[in-house]
Each structure stands twice: as C-alpha cells, then as structure tokens.
Amino acid sequence: MNKSTLHTIIIRLTIIILVIAAWSACDEYMGFVDCKDCFYPEPDSADLTIYLTINNDHPEVPIVVYRGNVDNDTYYIDTAVISPYYLYSKIDQFYSVRAEYKVGDRTINVVDGDKVKAKHVSESCDGECWIITDGVLNVELKFDEE
C-alpha cells in the first residue's frame, strides 16, 4: 500500500468518525429523539408518570403528591385505580409521591421523587423542538406479599 492510498483511507475514516460523532451529539439528551414528540413553544407543564401496583389485592391505592420532598407541600391527593397514573404538572419542579398499600394488618408507604424537565433539542429535528424528560415516579410494591 502506497502513501497516497494510506492517506486517502485515513481521511475517509476521519470523516466517518466525525459524521458518527456529530450524529451522536444531536441525541445526547435521550439517545434517539423522535421529532413527532417535539413541543413548540417550550412547554411549562407536562405529565408526571406514576407507576403503582394495581391488582386484585390492591385495586385502588391512595396517593399523595408533594411539591418537593415528601411531607413538604401537598400538591395533589387522589386514589389511583390505574397504572401508570398521569398527573399534569409544572415543569422544572421536583415532585415526590407517597402510595399507601394495606398488606394484611400492615400499612406500607412507598415513596419516590423526580423532577420533570423540558430539554431543547432542535439540533435533532428540522425546527424548534422541546422534549419532556424524567418525571417518572415508581411506587410499586417490591416484595412478594405471601
């Protein structure tokens, strides 16, 4: 292999690496951004997604959602009968949720918290694009009840 051929191969490999790196950088927030999930203008609210254990033993689960940490500032109280449970809430706010389960003669409180965010990712799509990230709270029971 002569120097000219080697030089051409190095240039081509460099271009391929740069293209792959540029393509990857566009998706740095969530991996692949599906442009049909874009919001414009920037949203100020989005759904919190709350996963609960809803089954024959727990057909309904009382929940309390707080702004900030648990017991900080009660934001919303309800009894969930489906999972996931969605609650439309302000963005850039940390939320906590407490789910209360009755297991035999015991009460089990399951707690989780997260911040729902909007991220600007216009590099991935043709126009202005905001996507919603995070805001997922998991308060499912994690043990076998038997």
Protein backbone atom coordinates (compact mmCIF):
# COMPACT_ATOMS: atom_id res chain seq x y z
CA MET A 1 0.00 0.00 0.00
CA ASN A 2 1.49 3.32 -1.02
CA LYS A 3 1.42 6.56 0.98
CA SER A 4 -1.31 8.10 -1.19
CA THR A 5 -3.70 5.19 -0.62
CA LEU A 6 -2.98 5.16 3.11
CA HIS A 7 -3.56 8.93 3.28
CA THR A 8 -6.93 8.53 1.48
CA ILE A 9 -8.01 5.76 3.87
CA ILE A 10 -7.09 7.88 6.91
CA ILE A 11 -9.05 10.87 5.56
CA ARG A 12 -12.12 8.72 4.85
CA LEU A 13 -12.02 7.10 8.30
CA THR A 14 -11.67 10.52 9.92
CA ILE A 15 -14.71 11.80 8.01
CA ILE A 16 -16.75 8.74 9.00
CA ILE A 17 -15.79 9.15 12.66
CA LEU A 18 -16.68 12.86 12.59
CA VAL A 19 -20.07 12.17 10.98
CA ILE A 20 -20.87 9.50 13.57
CA ALA A 21 -19.77 11.79 16.42
CA ALA A 22 -21.86 14.69 15.08
CA TRP A 23 -24.91 12.44 14.69
CA SER A 24 -24.50 11.10 18.23
CA ALA A 25 -24.13 14.59 19.72
CA CYS A 26 -27.57 15.56 18.38
CA ASP A 27 -29.15 12.87 20.51
CA GLU A 28 -27.17 13.44 23.68
CA TYR A 29 -30.22 14.01 25.90
CA MET A 30 -32.17 10.78 25.36
CA GLY A 31 -30.48 8.79 22.66
CA PHE A 32 -32.76 8.96 19.65
CA VAL A 33 -35.17 11.93 19.57
CA ASP A 34 -38.40 11.23 17.70
CA CYS A 35 -39.34 14.60 16.20
CA LYS A 36 -43.05 13.84 16.43
CA ASP A 37 -42.62 14.06 20.23
CA CYS A 38 -41.45 17.69 19.97
CA PHE A 39 -43.23 20.58 21.64
CA TYR A 40 -43.11 24.17 20.46
CA PRO A 41 -43.04 26.61 22.11
CA GLU A 42 -41.29 25.42 25.25
CA PRO A 43 -43.91 23.73 27.44
CA ASP A 44 -44.46 24.89 31.00
CA SER A 45 -46.32 21.73 32.08
CA ALA A 46 -46.26 18.01 31.31
CA ASP A 47 -47.41 14.69 32.71
CA LEU A 48 -45.81 13.14 35.76
CA THR A 49 -45.96 9.38 35.26
CA ILE A 50 -46.63 7.39 38.43
CA TYR A 51 -46.27 3.59 38.40
CA LEU A 52 -48.25 1.75 41.09
CA THR A 53 -49.12 -1.83 41.98
CA ILE A 54 -52.75 -2.14 40.89
CA ASN A 55 -54.03 -5.73 41.10
CA ASN A 56 -56.68 -7.89 42.82
CA ASP A 57 -55.05 -7.30 46.22
CA HIS A 58 -54.71 -3.55 45.59
CA PRO A 59 -57.48 -2.44 43.19
CA GLU A 60 -57.12 1.14 44.40
CA VAL A 61 -54.17 2.88 46.02
CA PRO A 62 -54.29 6.21 47.88
CA ILE A 63 -51.57 8.59 46.68
CA VAL A 64 -50.33 11.95 47.87
CA VAL A 65 -48.13 14.03 45.55
CA TYR A 66 -45.91 16.72 47.05
CA ARG A 67 -44.03 19.68 45.61
CA GLY A 68 -40.51 18.97 46.75
CA ASN A 69 -39.78 16.25 49.27
CA VAL A 70 -42.41 14.09 50.96
CA ASP A 71 -44.40 15.96 53.62
CA ASN A 72 -43.09 19.26 52.20
CA ASP A 73 -46.03 20.83 50.35
CA THR A 74 -49.08 18.71 49.50
CA TYR A 75 -49.84 19.22 45.83
CA TYR A 76 -52.43 16.58 44.99
CA ILE A 77 -54.37 13.78 46.72
CA ASP A 78 -56.26 11.01 44.96
CA THR A 79 -56.97 7.29 44.89
CA ALA A 80 -55.40 5.63 41.84
CA VAL A 81 -57.18 2.76 40.10
CA ILE A 82 -54.86 2.51 37.06
CA SER A 83 -51.14 2.32 36.47
CA PRO A 84 -49.46 4.26 35.12
CA TYR A 85 -51.26 7.23 36.64
CA TYR A 86 -50.70 10.59 34.92
CA LEU A 87 -50.77 13.98 36.62
CA TYR A 88 -50.35 17.14 34.53
CA SER A 89 -47.84 19.30 36.45
CA LYS A 90 -45.47 22.24 36.12
CA ILE A 91 -42.06 21.59 34.58
CA ASP A 92 -38.73 22.19 36.36
CA GLN A 93 -40.23 21.25 39.71
CA PHE A 94 -39.24 18.33 41.90
CA TYR A 95 -42.20 16.18 42.95
CA SER A 96 -42.48 13.32 45.44
CA VAL A 97 -45.27 10.79 45.73
CA ARG A 98 -46.33 8.52 48.56
CA ALA A 99 -48.50 5.48 47.81
CA GLU A 100 -50.21 3.70 50.70
CA TYR A 101 -50.76 -0.05 50.50
CA LYS A 102 -52.58 -2.26 53.00
CA VAL A 103 -50.92 -5.67 53.32
CA GLY A 104 -52.63 -7.82 55.94
CA ASP A 105 -52.72 -5.74 59.09
CA ARG A 106 -49.80 -3.56 57.96
CA THR A 107 -49.72 -0.25 56.10
CA ILE A 108 -46.81 0.09 53.69
CA ASN A 109 -45.87 3.52 52.35
CA VAL A 110 -43.81 3.56 49.16
CA VAL A 111 -42.11 6.84 48.23
CA ASP A 112 -40.30 8.12 45.14
CA GLY A 113 -39.37 11.51 43.69
CA ASP A 114 -38.27 13.04 40.41
CA LYS A 115 -38.11 16.31 38.51
CA VAL A 116 -39.95 16.66 35.21
CA LYS A 117 -37.90 18.63 32.67
CA ALA A 118 -38.13 20.14 29.21
CA LYS A 119 -34.98 19.98 27.12
CA HIS A 120 -34.15 21.91 23.97
CA VAL A 121 -33.01 19.54 21.23
CA SER A 122 -33.58 21.42 18.00
CA GLU A 123 -30.37 20.02 16.52
CA SER A 124 -32.16 16.68 16.09
CA CYS A 125 -35.15 17.97 14.12
CA ASP A 126 -35.89 20.45 11.35
CA GLY A 127 -37.28 23.19 13.58
CA GLU A 128 -37.58 24.32 17.16
CA CYS A 129 -38.04 21.28 19.41
CA TRP A 130 -38.58 20.74 23.13
CA ILE A 131 -38.91 17.27 24.60
CA ILE A 132 -40.08 16.17 28.02
CA THR A 133 -37.67 14.10 30.10
CA ASP A 134 -37.83 12.49 33.51
CA GLY A 135 -40.88 12.97 35.72
CA VAL A 136 -41.26 9.21 36.26
CA LEU A 137 -42.14 8.05 39.77
CA ASN A 138 -42.18 4.36 40.69
CA VAL A 139 -44.13 3.49 43.84
CA GLU A 140 -44.82 -0.15 43.04
CA LEU A 141 -44.60 -2.77 45.79
CA LYS A 142 -41.24 -4.54 45.51
CA PHE A 143 -41.85 -7.71 47.51
CA ASP A 144 -43.92 -10.88 47.43
CA GLU A 145 -46.91 -10.42 49.74
CA GLU A 146 -47.10 -14.09 50.82
